[in-house]
Amino acid sequence: MEQFAVSMRGITKIFSDVKANENVDFSLRKGSIHGLLGENGAGKTTLMNVLYGFYRQEEGDVWINGVKETIDSPQKAISLGIGMVHQHFMLARPLTVVENVMLGKKSRRGILLDTKETARELAALSDRYRMGIDPYSHVWQLSVGEQQRVEILTALYMGANILILDEPTAVLTPQETDVFFHTLREMRNDGKSIILITHKLEEIISIVDEVTVLRDGKMIGTKCVDEHVTKDDLTKMMVGRDVLFHFTPNTRKPGKEIFQIRNISAKNGKGLVALSDFSLDLREGEIVGIAGVDGNGQSELCEVLAGLRKVENGNVVLDGEDVTNRSPRFYIDKRISYIAEDRQNTSLALNWSLKMNLVLKNFARPPFAKHGLLQKNAIESHWDEMQKAYQIKANCCDDTARCLSGGNQQKVILAREIESDPRVLVASQPTRGLDVGAAEYVRQKLLDTRNNGAAVLVVSADLEEILQLSDRIAVLYDGKLMGVLPGGSDPFEIGELMMGKKLEGAQNEA
């Protein structure tokens, strides 16, 4: 046992009548990076929540550094040198980074706060692992990627030598992922032991030393990752079948222009210019992918097109009508669907039932309402249909959205937005947090939506996804359109535009 930082034996965790983990064995070697793979609902996060003390297992034992331990709370886990960074961050947004780190921690100055000393220590840790975090920044001012680094920084500051990372790259661009992986390797070189929960097979192959696969709460197996392990091998272990990684290219010509975005400018939540003189056209039967490093105006562009953010200058034209700064209800009535990047704070009513979240935009219309009264049978029938079609793992339609995993929350949103027969679909990070099988399904649904004649705008931090789906690729940098390239373009050229370099042959607008 002494060679293992963590050894879990025969772990069984039951919720009601569901075995989330069934007799699972898992071991993490000291000074290694271990991948934990599995589809949504496979039991990955549940197993790690047992290790972190959020849950108590019904059966099984846990050893930490060769010593059998009873981990009955996160405080006990932290005392054992275990840190966990969750998929959905647990930060107080109005506070600064250093204030967040100090929450719940006893001050070394008694009744006085030791803010300056803590800030110095955080800055040193940030520099050591090249995180680039200012301890005095307010969390609400930080990008999603920076907020994740704050969570990791907090865990390290609390003395974590065993670090659990739940979907850490789901919010990162390829460039940020490269820097993050460098940080992980530095941590491993420092003797830290890391568990990486992810759906991205390329990442597993490139960064981990070993990988364990779970399916339906059971352990399928553990592999040493070397040059002989392939994406297909891991996929079959995860889903029990082959998964499509390449889609049939579009051979249809796009139709008429539906949306014209003309020289628009918009500000972000800090009051700074996020979009500047941006122009783009969306056409029937076409997917336009938006590539760019996170925080270069993608979120603001999507919010403008959904009526959630005002345009300072310029015009948005829909079917020849100027619809600039119209209400979100107006855009919904015009059959513009929006899959938001922040599913929990923007797209879902977390305390509402799943069936009501599915009809959130159309609950007052037939067949879900009649003479002003909700039609319970129609709403529940719609849930049954969508649950099967989108493989949403939930106990019943009356469960709240808050009860679902992040991936299953995303499926509820996708079902609502894609099945509403949109003329325009704006999809921001549509597969973020989804497993490989679900991501394949979602991408195919986006292609089907395009093939049904809709204009589709896809924003994704996953450049591979942009290349798979897009008929045209528009690149954003610092709120400006750097150029528009045809689908299937050289990723290197796209990357040059993403870094702000103009290329010959790239259109300035489309």
Protein backbone atom coordinates (compact mmCIF):
# COMPACT_ATOMS: atom_id res chain seq x y z
CA MET A 1 0.00 0.00 0.00
CA GLU A 2 2.89 2.42 0.67
CA GLN A 3 3.53 2.99 -3.05
CA PHE A 4 0.01 4.36 -3.40
CA ALA A 5 -1.12 7.84 -2.37
CA VAL A 6 -4.71 6.54 -2.53
CA SER A 7 -6.07 3.01 -2.47
CA MET A 8 -9.84 2.43 -2.51
CA ARG A 9 -11.10 -1.12 -2.19
CA GLY A 10 -14.61 -2.47 -2.77
CA ILE A 11 -16.31 0.94 -2.71
CA THR A 12 -20.10 0.78 -2.96
CA LYS A 13 -22.25 3.91 -2.77
CA ILE A 14 -26.04 3.73 -3.02
CA PHE A 15 -28.57 6.54 -3.60
CA SER A 16 -32.13 5.30 -2.97
CA ASP A 17 -32.18 2.10 -5.04
CA VAL A 18 -29.39 3.14 -7.42
CA LYS A 19 -25.83 1.85 -6.99
CA ALA A 20 -23.74 4.80 -8.14
CA ASN A 21 -20.59 2.80 -7.33
CA GLU A 22 -20.58 -0.99 -7.03
CA ASN A 23 -17.53 -2.75 -5.56
CA VAL A 24 -15.08 -0.33 -7.20
CA ASP A 25 -11.30 -0.62 -6.73
CA PHE A 26 -9.14 2.41 -7.49
CA SER A 27 -5.47 3.13 -6.78
CA LEU A 28 -3.38 6.28 -7.34
CA ARG A 29 0.40 5.91 -7.35
CA LYS A 30 2.48 8.52 -5.58
CA GLY A 31 3.84 11.22 -7.89
CA SER A 32 1.65 10.25 -10.84
CA ILE A 33 -1.27 11.55 -12.90
CA HIS A 34 -4.15 9.08 -13.08
CA GLY A 35 -7.07 9.55 -15.47
CA LEU A 36 -10.62 8.59 -14.51
CA LEU A 37 -12.83 8.00 -17.55
CA GLY A 38 -16.50 7.17 -18.00
CA GLU A 39 -19.72 8.53 -19.43
CA ASN A 40 -22.03 10.81 -17.45
CA GLY A 41 -23.54 8.80 -14.63
CA ALA A 42 -20.73 6.22 -14.69
CA GLY A 43 -19.88 7.05 -11.07
CA LYS A 44 -16.61 8.98 -11.48
CA THR A 45 -17.54 12.07 -9.47
CA THR A 46 -19.39 9.97 -6.88
CA LEU A 47 -16.25 7.90 -6.29
CA MET A 48 -14.15 11.03 -5.87
CA ASN A 49 -16.77 12.58 -3.57
CA VAL A 50 -16.34 9.52 -1.36
CA LEU A 51 -12.59 10.11 -1.34
CA TYR A 52 -13.11 13.80 -0.51
CA GLY A 53 -15.58 13.09 2.30
CA PHE A 54 -18.72 14.51 0.70
CA TYR A 55 -20.28 11.02 0.77
CA ARG A 56 -19.87 8.03 3.07
CA GLN A 57 -19.68 4.72 1.27
CA GLU A 58 -21.94 1.82 2.29
CA GLU A 59 -19.13 -0.67 1.73
CA GLY A 60 -15.38 -0.59 1.18
CA ASP A 61 -12.26 0.97 2.65
CA VAL A 62 -9.90 3.85 1.83
CA TRP A 63 -6.16 4.00 2.48
CA ILE A 64 -4.17 7.25 2.24
CA ASN A 65 -0.39 6.83 1.96
CA GLY A 66 -0.70 3.27 3.22
CA VAL A 67 -2.84 4.11 6.27
CA LYS A 68 -6.51 3.09 6.50
CA GLU A 69 -8.62 6.20 7.04
CA THR A 70 -12.24 7.08 7.75
CA ILE A 71 -12.95 10.18 5.66
CA ASP A 72 -16.25 11.51 6.93
CA SER A 73 -15.98 15.15 5.84
CA PRO A 74 -14.10 17.44 3.45
CA GLN A 75 -12.33 18.87 6.49
CA LYS A 76 -10.92 15.41 7.25
CA ALA A 77 -9.88 15.01 3.60
CA ILE A 78 -8.11 18.39 3.64
CA SER A 79 -6.32 17.42 6.85
CA LEU A 80 -5.02 14.34 4.99
CA GLY A 81 -3.67 16.51 2.16
CA ILE A 82 -6.52 15.89 -0.30
CA GLY A 83 -7.85 18.76 -2.40
CA MET A 84 -10.69 18.74 -4.92
CA VAL A 85 -11.54 21.18 -7.71
CA HIS A 86 -15.13 20.67 -8.81
CA GLN A 87 -16.56 21.05 -12.29
CA HIS A 88 -18.73 23.92 -11.02
CA PHE A 89 -16.58 26.32 -9.06
CA MET A 90 -17.28 27.11 -5.41
CA LEU A 91 -16.08 30.69 -5.24
CA ALA A 92 -17.66 33.81 -3.72
CA ARG A 93 -17.76 36.01 -6.79
CA PRO A 94 -17.92 39.44 -5.05
CA LEU A 95 -14.75 38.71 -3.04
CA THR A 96 -11.10 38.90 -4.10
CA VAL A 97 -8.95 35.83 -4.71
CA VAL A 98 -7.14 36.21 -1.38
CA GLU A 99 -10.44 36.72 0.47
CA ASN A 100 -11.81 33.53 -1.04
CA VAL A 101 -8.74 31.59 0.08
CA MET A 102 -9.06 32.97 3.61
CA LEU A 103 -12.72 32.00 3.98
CA GLY A 104 -13.08 29.46 6.79
CA LYS A 105 -9.34 29.49 7.53
CA LYS A 106 -8.09 30.56 10.93
CA SER A 107 -5.99 33.73 10.79
CA ARG A 108 -2.42 33.58 12.04
CA ARG A 109 -2.95 37.04 13.55
CA GLY A 110 -5.77 36.09 15.89
CA ILE A 111 -8.73 38.43 15.45
CA LEU A 112 -6.91 40.34 12.68
CA LEU A 113 -6.79 39.18 9.08
CA ASP A 114 -3.43 38.16 7.66
CA THR A 115 -4.35 39.32 4.15
CA LYS A 116 -0.92 40.61 3.07
CA GLU A 117 0.99 37.51 4.12
CA THR A 118 -1.60 35.22 2.50
CA ALA A 119 -1.47 37.28 -0.70
CA ARG A 120 2.35 36.99 -0.80
CA GLU A 121 2.15 33.22 -0.37
CA LEU A 122 -0.51 32.93 -3.08
CA ALA A 123 1.56 35.04 -5.45
CA ALA A 124 4.57 32.79 -4.86
CA LEU A 125 2.49 29.67 -5.57
CA SER A 126 1.01 31.29 -8.66
CA ASP A 127 4.48 32.13 -9.96
CA ARG A 128 5.79 28.65 -9.14
CA TYR A 129 3.15 27.01 -11.31
CA ARG A 130 2.79 29.81 -13.90
CA MET A 131 -0.87 30.52 -13.11
CA GLY A 132 -0.74 34.29 -13.53
CA ILE A 133 -3.27 35.06 -10.77
CA ASP A 134 -3.36 38.43 -8.99
CA PRO A 135 -4.43 37.73 -5.37
CA TYR A 136 -6.26 41.08 -5.19
CA SER A 137 -8.43 40.50 -8.30
CA HIS A 138 -12.16 40.10 -7.67
CA VAL A 139 -13.44 36.70 -8.77
CA TRP A 140 -16.24 38.21 -10.87
CA GLN A 141 -13.61 39.98 -12.96
CA LEU A 142 -11.82 36.74 -13.86
CA SER A 143 -12.40 34.53 -16.89
CA VAL A 144 -13.72 31.01 -16.34
CA GLY A 145 -10.22 29.61 -16.91
CA GLU A 146 -8.73 31.99 -14.36
CA GLN A 147 -11.39 31.07 -11.81
CA GLN A 148 -10.42 27.44 -12.21
CA ARG A 149 -6.79 28.33 -11.51
CA VAL A 150 -7.95 30.08 -8.33
CA GLU A 151 -9.62 26.84 -7.20
CA ILE A 152 -6.42 24.87 -7.84
CA LEU A 153 -4.34 27.56 -6.15
CA THR A 154 -6.61 27.38 -3.10
CA ALA A 155 -6.22 23.61 -2.86
CA LEU A 156 -2.43 23.88 -3.10
CA TYR A 157 -2.37 26.64 -0.51
CA MET A 158 -4.35 24.40 1.86
CA GLY A 159 -1.56 21.82 1.57
CA ALA A 160 -2.98 19.38 -0.96
CA ASN A 161 -0.57 16.66 -2.09
CA ILE A 162 -3.40 14.61 -3.58
CA LEU A 163 -5.39 16.70 -6.05
CA ILE A 164 -8.72 15.68 -7.61
CA LEU A 165 -9.61 17.65 -10.75
CA ASP A 166 -13.15 17.19 -12.10
CA GLU A 167 -13.32 18.09 -15.82
CA PRO A 168 -10.57 20.74 -15.47
CA THR A 169 -10.09 21.43 -19.18
CA ALA A 170 -13.80 21.71 -20.00
CA VAL A 171 -13.44 25.49 -19.57
CA LEU A 172 -10.03 25.92 -21.22
CA THR A 173 -8.91 26.75 -24.73
CA PRO A 174 -6.22 24.60 -26.41
CA GLN A 175 -3.60 27.20 -25.50
CA GLU A 176 -4.73 27.30 -21.87
CA THR A 177 -4.80 23.51 -21.79
CA ASP A 178 -1.15 23.35 -22.87
CA VAL A 179 -0.15 25.72 -20.04
CA PHE A 180 -2.34 23.79 -17.61
CA PHE A 181 -0.71 20.48 -18.57
CA HIS A 182 2.70 22.04 -18.00
CA THR A 183 1.48 22.99 -14.53
CA LEU A 184 0.28 19.41 -13.88
CA ARG A 185 3.65 18.01 -14.93
CA GLU A 186 5.40 20.46 -12.61
CA MET A 187 3.14 19.33 -9.78
CA ARG A 188 3.90 15.69 -10.56
CA ASN A 189 7.62 16.47 -10.57
CA ASP A 190 7.14 18.02 -7.13
CA GLY A 191 5.75 14.70 -5.91
CA LYS A 192 2.05 15.54 -6.00
CA SER A 193 -0.44 12.83 -6.99
CA ILE A 194 -3.23 13.91 -9.34
CA ILE A 195 -6.56 12.39 -10.35
CA LEU A 196 -7.90 13.80 -13.62
CA ILE A 197 -11.59 13.26 -14.42
CA THR A 198 -12.17 14.09 -18.06
CA HIS A 199 -14.10 13.12 -21.18
CA LYS A 200 -11.35 14.19 -23.60
CA LEU A 201 -9.52 11.12 -24.80
CA GLU A 202 -6.66 13.02 -26.44
CA GLU A 203 -5.88 14.61 -23.09
CA ILE A 204 -5.85 11.27 -21.29
CA ILE A 205 -3.40 9.85 -23.80
CA SER A 206 -1.15 12.91 -23.71
CA ILE A 207 -0.91 13.59 -19.96
CA VAL A 208 -1.76 10.64 -17.69
CA ASP A 209 0.40 7.74 -16.54
CA GLU A 210 -2.53 5.40 -15.92
CA VAL A 211 -6.25 5.45 -16.64
CA THR A 212 -9.20 3.75 -14.95
CA VAL A 213 -12.53 3.38 -16.77
CA LEU A 214 -15.94 3.18 -15.05
CA ARG A 215 -19.21 2.21 -16.69
CA ASP A 216 -22.62 2.14 -14.94
CA GLY A 217 -20.95 2.41 -11.54
CA LYS A 218 -18.60 -0.54 -12.07
CA MET A 219 -14.89 -0.60 -12.80
CA ILE A 220 -14.17 -1.84 -16.32
CA GLY A 221 -10.39 -1.79 -15.99
CA THR A 222 -7.15 0.14 -15.49
CA LYS A 223 -4.55 0.62 -18.21
CA CYS A 224 -0.99 1.92 -18.27
CA VAL A 225 -1.01 4.68 -20.90
CA ASP A 226 1.69 4.27 -23.55
CA GLU A 227 2.02 4.51 -27.30
CA HIS A 228 -0.11 1.40 -27.76
CA VAL A 229 -3.25 2.86 -26.12
CA THR A 230 -5.62 4.47 -28.65
CA LYS A 231 -8.78 6.57 -28.52
CA ASP A 232 -10.72 3.62 -29.90
CA ASP A 233 -9.49 1.35 -27.10
CA LEU A 234 -10.63 3.78 -24.40
CA THR A 235 -13.91 4.57 -26.13
CA LYS A 236 -14.92 0.93 -26.31
CA MET A 237 -14.15 0.56 -22.59
CA MET A 238 -16.28 3.63 -21.83
CA VAL A 239 -19.36 3.05 -23.95
CA GLY A 240 -19.05 -0.55 -25.09
CA ARG A 241 -19.22 0.41 -28.76
CA ASP A 242 -17.41 2.30 -31.51
CA VAL A 243 -17.90 6.08 -31.56
CA LEU A 244 -17.86 8.27 -34.66
CA PHE A 245 -15.03 10.83 -34.59
CA HIS A 246 -15.50 12.14 -38.15
CA PHE A 247 -18.75 13.40 -39.67
CA THR A 248 -19.91 13.49 -43.29
CA PRO A 249 -19.01 16.89 -44.80
CA ASN A 250 -21.80 19.20 -45.95
CA THR A 251 -22.33 19.08 -49.71
CA ARG A 252 -25.36 21.40 -49.80
CA LYS A 253 -25.04 25.05 -50.70
CA PRO A 254 -26.23 27.47 -48.01
CA GLY A 255 -29.48 29.33 -48.57
CA LYS A 256 -30.40 32.98 -48.07
CA GLU A 257 -29.02 35.20 -45.36
CA ILE A 258 -31.17 35.20 -42.21
CA PHE A 259 -29.07 37.19 -39.75
CA GLN A 260 -26.93 40.18 -40.72
CA ILE A 261 -24.66 41.54 -38.00
CA ARG A 262 -23.43 44.95 -39.08
CA ASN A 263 -20.51 46.77 -37.42
CA ILE A 264 -21.74 46.11 -33.90
CA SER A 265 -19.98 47.13 -30.72
CA ALA A 266 -20.92 45.89 -27.24
CA LYS A 267 -19.57 46.13 -23.71
CA ASN A 268 -18.94 43.33 -21.23
CA GLY A 269 -20.08 43.10 -17.60
CA LYS A 270 -17.19 45.32 -16.48
CA GLY A 271 -18.27 48.12 -18.83
CA LEU A 272 -15.32 47.53 -21.17
CA VAL A 273 -15.61 47.13 -24.93
CA ALA A 274 -15.96 43.41 -25.71
CA LEU A 275 -17.02 43.62 -29.38
CA SER A 276 -15.76 46.27 -31.75
CA ASP A 277 -17.03 46.94 -35.28
CA PHE A 278 -17.95 43.27 -35.73
CA SER A 279 -19.78 42.07 -38.85
CA LEU A 280 -20.96 38.60 -39.85
CA ASP A 281 -23.76 36.98 -41.87
CA LEU A 282 -25.59 33.75 -40.99
CA ARG A 283 -27.24 31.80 -43.77
CA GLU A 284 -29.82 29.05 -43.97
CA GLY A 285 -28.39 25.53 -43.94
CA GLU A 286 -24.94 26.53 -42.74
CA ILE A 287 -22.87 26.24 -39.58
CA VAL A 288 -20.54 29.13 -38.80
CA GLY A 289 -18.00 28.28 -36.12
CA ILE A 290 -16.52 30.99 -33.91
CA ALA A 291 -12.92 30.27 -32.92
CA GLY A 292 -10.92 32.29 -30.45
CA VAL A 293 -9.22 32.25 -27.09
CA ASP A 294 -11.79 32.45 -24.30
CA GLY A 295 -12.71 36.00 -23.31
CA ASN A 296 -12.32 37.68 -26.70
CA GLY A 297 -15.97 38.62 -27.15
CA GLN A 298 -17.58 35.24 -27.90
CA SER A 299 -19.93 35.32 -24.91
CA GLU A 300 -21.01 38.89 -25.61
CA LEU A 301 -21.69 38.07 -29.28
CA CYS A 302 -23.97 35.18 -28.32
CA GLU A 303 -25.79 37.31 -25.76
CA VAL A 304 -26.37 40.05 -28.35
CA LEU A 305 -27.89 37.50 -30.73
CA ALA A 306 -30.19 36.22 -27.95
CA GLY A 307 -31.31 39.67 -26.84
CA LEU A 308 -29.47 39.43 -23.51
CA ARG A 309 -26.92 42.18 -24.14
CA LYS A 310 -27.39 45.63 -25.64
CA VAL A 311 -25.56 46.80 -28.73
CA GLU A 312 -23.79 50.14 -28.29
CA ASN A 313 -23.31 50.75 -32.03
CA GLY A 314 -24.25 48.98 -35.23
CA ASN A 315 -27.26 46.90 -36.23
CA VAL A 316 -28.63 43.37 -36.04
CA VAL A 317 -30.94 42.53 -38.94
CA LEU A 318 -33.23 39.48 -39.05
CA ASP A 319 -35.01 38.69 -42.33
CA GLY A 320 -34.53 42.29 -43.44
CA GLU A 321 -35.93 43.74 -40.19
CA ASP A 322 -33.76 45.76 -37.82
CA VAL A 323 -34.08 43.90 -34.49
CA THR A 324 -31.26 45.65 -32.63
CA ASN A 325 -31.72 45.60 -28.85
CA ARG A 326 -35.07 43.81 -28.92
CA SER A 327 -36.11 41.76 -25.88
CA PRO A 328 -35.23 38.09 -25.32
CA ARG A 329 -38.94 37.26 -25.66
CA PHE A 330 -38.91 38.81 -29.13
CA TYR A 331 -36.02 36.58 -30.19
CA ILE A 332 -37.72 33.49 -28.75
CA ASP A 333 -40.88 34.33 -30.71
CA LYS A 334 -38.74 34.61 -33.85
CA ARG A 335 -37.51 31.01 -33.25
CA ILE A 336 -34.00 31.91 -32.25
CA SER A 337 -32.67 29.26 -29.87
CA TYR A 338 -29.78 29.86 -27.51
CA ILE A 339 -27.56 27.32 -25.76
CA ALA A 340 -25.73 29.45 -23.19
CA GLU A 341 -22.17 28.87 -22.02
CA ASP A 342 -23.18 29.12 -18.35
CA ARG A 343 -25.86 26.48 -18.08
CA GLN A 344 -26.55 26.87 -14.36
CA ASN A 345 -26.91 30.65 -14.13
CA THR A 346 -28.37 31.38 -17.57
CA SER A 347 -30.11 28.37 -19.10
CA LEU A 348 -31.74 26.50 -16.22
CA ALA A 349 -34.12 27.18 -13.36
CA LEU A 350 -32.19 24.95 -10.98
CA ASN A 351 -34.98 24.57 -8.40
CA TRP A 352 -37.65 23.79 -11.01
CA SER A 353 -38.53 20.30 -12.17
CA LEU A 354 -36.95 18.83 -15.28
CA LYS A 355 -40.29 18.70 -17.09
CA MET A 356 -40.83 22.44 -16.51
CA ASN A 357 -37.28 23.30 -17.56
CA LEU A 358 -37.97 21.53 -20.86
CA VAL A 359 -40.99 23.75 -21.58
CA LEU A 360 -39.54 26.88 -19.99
CA LYS A 361 -39.81 28.92 -23.20
CA ASN A 362 -43.11 27.52 -24.45
CA PHE A 363 -45.14 26.64 -21.37
CA ALA A 364 -47.93 29.07 -22.31
CA ARG A 365 -48.41 27.59 -25.79
CA PRO A 366 -50.17 24.47 -27.09
CA PRO A 367 -49.81 21.60 -26.49
CA PHE A 368 -48.38 22.51 -23.06
CA ALA A 369 -51.17 24.96 -22.22
CA LYS A 370 -54.84 25.26 -23.09
CA HIS A 371 -57.09 28.20 -22.17
CA GLY A 372 -54.35 29.45 -19.87
CA LEU A 373 -54.03 26.14 -17.99
CA LEU A 374 -50.96 23.89 -18.02
CA GLN A 375 -51.53 20.49 -19.59
CA LYS A 376 -49.78 18.08 -17.22
CA ASN A 377 -50.07 15.02 -19.46
CA ALA A 378 -48.60 16.82 -22.48
CA ILE A 379 -45.70 18.19 -20.42
CA GLU A 380 -44.89 14.79 -18.90
CA SER A 381 -45.20 13.07 -22.28
CA HIS A 382 -42.74 15.60 -23.72
CA TRP A 383 -40.32 14.81 -20.89
CA ASP A 384 -40.57 11.07 -21.58
CA GLU A 385 -39.79 11.62 -25.24
CA MET A 386 -36.86 13.98 -24.61
CA GLN A 387 -35.37 11.83 -21.84
CA LYS A 388 -35.15 8.87 -24.21
CA ALA A 389 -33.93 10.88 -27.20
CA TYR A 390 -31.18 12.72 -25.29
CA GLN A 391 -30.36 9.88 -22.86
CA ILE A 392 -30.93 12.10 -19.80
CA LYS A 393 -30.11 10.17 -16.64
CA ALA A 394 -32.66 11.14 -13.99
CA ASN A 395 -35.06 9.35 -11.67
CA CYS A 396 -38.23 11.12 -12.80
CA CYS A 397 -39.58 14.27 -14.43
CA ASP A 398 -40.20 15.89 -11.03
CA ASP A 399 -36.51 15.88 -10.12
CA THR A 400 -35.07 19.40 -10.03
CA ALA A 401 -32.40 20.47 -12.50
CA ARG A 402 -30.07 21.04 -9.55
CA CYS A 403 -30.04 17.28 -8.86
CA LEU A 404 -28.49 16.36 -12.22
CA SER A 405 -24.83 16.10 -13.15
CA GLY A 406 -23.43 18.89 -15.30
CA GLY A 407 -23.56 16.76 -18.43
CA ASN A 408 -27.18 15.79 -17.90
CA GLN A 409 -28.10 19.41 -17.20
CA GLN A 410 -26.60 20.23 -20.61
CA LYS A 411 -28.71 17.54 -22.25
CA VAL A 412 -31.90 19.10 -20.85
CA ILE A 413 -30.90 22.46 -22.38
CA LEU A 414 -30.05 20.89 -25.72
CA ALA A 415 -33.36 19.05 -25.83
CA ARG A 416 -35.28 22.27 -25.17
CA GLU A 417 -33.40 24.44 -27.66
CA ILE A 418 -32.84 22.02 -30.54
CA GLU A 419 -36.32 20.46 -30.48
CA SER A 420 -38.08 23.83 -30.70
CA ASP A 421 -37.60 23.90 -34.51
CA PRO A 422 -35.26 26.93 -34.57
CA ARG A 423 -34.60 29.10 -37.60
CA VAL A 424 -31.40 30.26 -35.93
CA LEU A 425 -29.51 28.28 -33.31
CA VAL A 426 -26.79 30.02 -31.29
CA ALA A 427 -24.78 27.36 -29.44
CA SER A 428 -22.06 28.41 -27.00
CA GLN A 429 -19.83 25.54 -25.79
CA PRO A 430 -22.59 22.98 -26.62
CA THR A 431 -20.58 19.87 -25.64
CA ARG A 432 -18.71 21.29 -22.65
CA GLY A 433 -18.75 18.71 -19.86
CA LEU A 434 -20.27 15.94 -22.01
CA ASP A 435 -18.80 12.47 -22.37
CA VAL A 436 -17.60 11.22 -25.73
CA GLY A 437 -20.81 9.38 -26.61
CA ALA A 438 -23.07 12.29 -25.66
CA ALA A 439 -20.81 14.79 -27.46
CA GLU A 440 -21.05 12.72 -30.62
CA TYR A 441 -24.85 12.79 -30.32
CA VAL A 442 -24.97 16.55 -29.75
CA ARG A 443 -22.71 17.29 -32.70
CA GLN A 444 -24.89 15.15 -34.92
CA LYS A 445 -27.98 17.05 -33.69
CA LEU A 446 -26.30 20.35 -34.60
CA LEU A 447 -25.59 18.98 -38.06
CA ASP A 448 -29.19 17.78 -38.36
CA THR A 449 -30.42 21.24 -37.34
CA ARG A 450 -28.31 22.76 -40.11
CA ASN A 451 -29.51 20.14 -42.61
CA ASN A 452 -33.11 21.04 -41.71
CA GLY A 453 -32.40 24.56 -42.98
CA ALA A 454 -31.51 26.47 -39.82
CA ALA A 455 -28.63 28.91 -39.55
CA VAL A 456 -26.32 27.67 -36.80
CA LEU A 457 -23.64 29.62 -34.94
CA VAL A 458 -21.32 27.43 -32.84
CA VAL A 459 -18.88 28.89 -30.31
CA SER A 460 -16.45 26.34 -28.92
CA ALA A 461 -13.12 26.37 -27.14
CA ASP A 462 -12.50 22.96 -28.72
CA LEU A 463 -10.84 23.69 -32.05
CA GLU A 464 -11.31 20.09 -33.15
CA GLU A 465 -15.06 20.51 -32.67
CA ILE A 466 -15.06 23.74 -34.71
CA LEU A 467 -13.22 21.96 -37.53
CA GLN A 468 -15.58 18.97 -37.40
CA LEU A 469 -18.77 21.01 -37.65
CA SER A 470 -18.17 24.29 -39.44
CA ASP A 471 -18.87 25.24 -43.03
CA ARG A 472 -17.15 28.56 -42.34
CA ILE A 473 -14.92 29.56 -39.44
CA ALA A 474 -14.87 33.13 -38.10
CA VAL A 475 -12.03 34.02 -35.73
CA LEU A 476 -12.39 36.55 -32.90
CA TYR A 477 -9.50 38.34 -31.24
CA ASP A 478 -9.88 41.20 -28.77
CA GLY A 479 -13.51 41.65 -29.83
CA LYS A 480 -12.64 42.06 -33.50
CA LEU A 481 -13.21 39.77 -36.46
CA MET A 482 -9.77 38.70 -37.65
CA GLY A 483 -11.03 36.81 -40.67
CA VAL A 484 -13.35 34.12 -42.01
CA LEU A 485 -11.91 30.87 -43.33
CA PRO A 486 -13.62 27.95 -45.09
CA GLY A 487 -14.37 24.80 -43.14
CA GLY A 488 -11.50 22.33 -43.02
CA SER A 489 -8.87 25.08 -42.97
CA ASP A 490 -5.39 24.49 -41.55
CA PRO A 491 -5.56 24.65 -37.71
CA PHE A 492 -2.24 26.50 -37.77
CA GLU A 493 -3.79 29.32 -39.82
CA ILE A 494 -6.74 29.47 -37.44
CA GLY A 495 -4.33 29.56 -34.52
CA GLU A 496 -2.44 32.49 -36.06
CA LEU A 497 -5.68 34.46 -36.31
CA MET A 498 -6.60 33.50 -32.75
CA MET A 499 -3.35 35.12 -31.60
CA GLY A 500 -4.20 38.35 -33.43
CA LYS A 501 -2.13 37.87 -36.60
CA LYS A 502 -3.72 38.81 -39.90
CA LEU A 503 -3.40 36.29 -42.73
CA GLU A 504 -3.57 36.85 -46.46
CA GLY A 505 -6.68 35.35 -47.97
CA ALA A 506 -8.77 35.52 -44.79
CA GLN A 507 -11.90 37.59 -45.40
CA ASN A 508 -12.48 40.52 -43.05
CA GLU A 509 -16.18 39.78 -42.86
CA ALA A 510 -18.76 37.37 -44.18
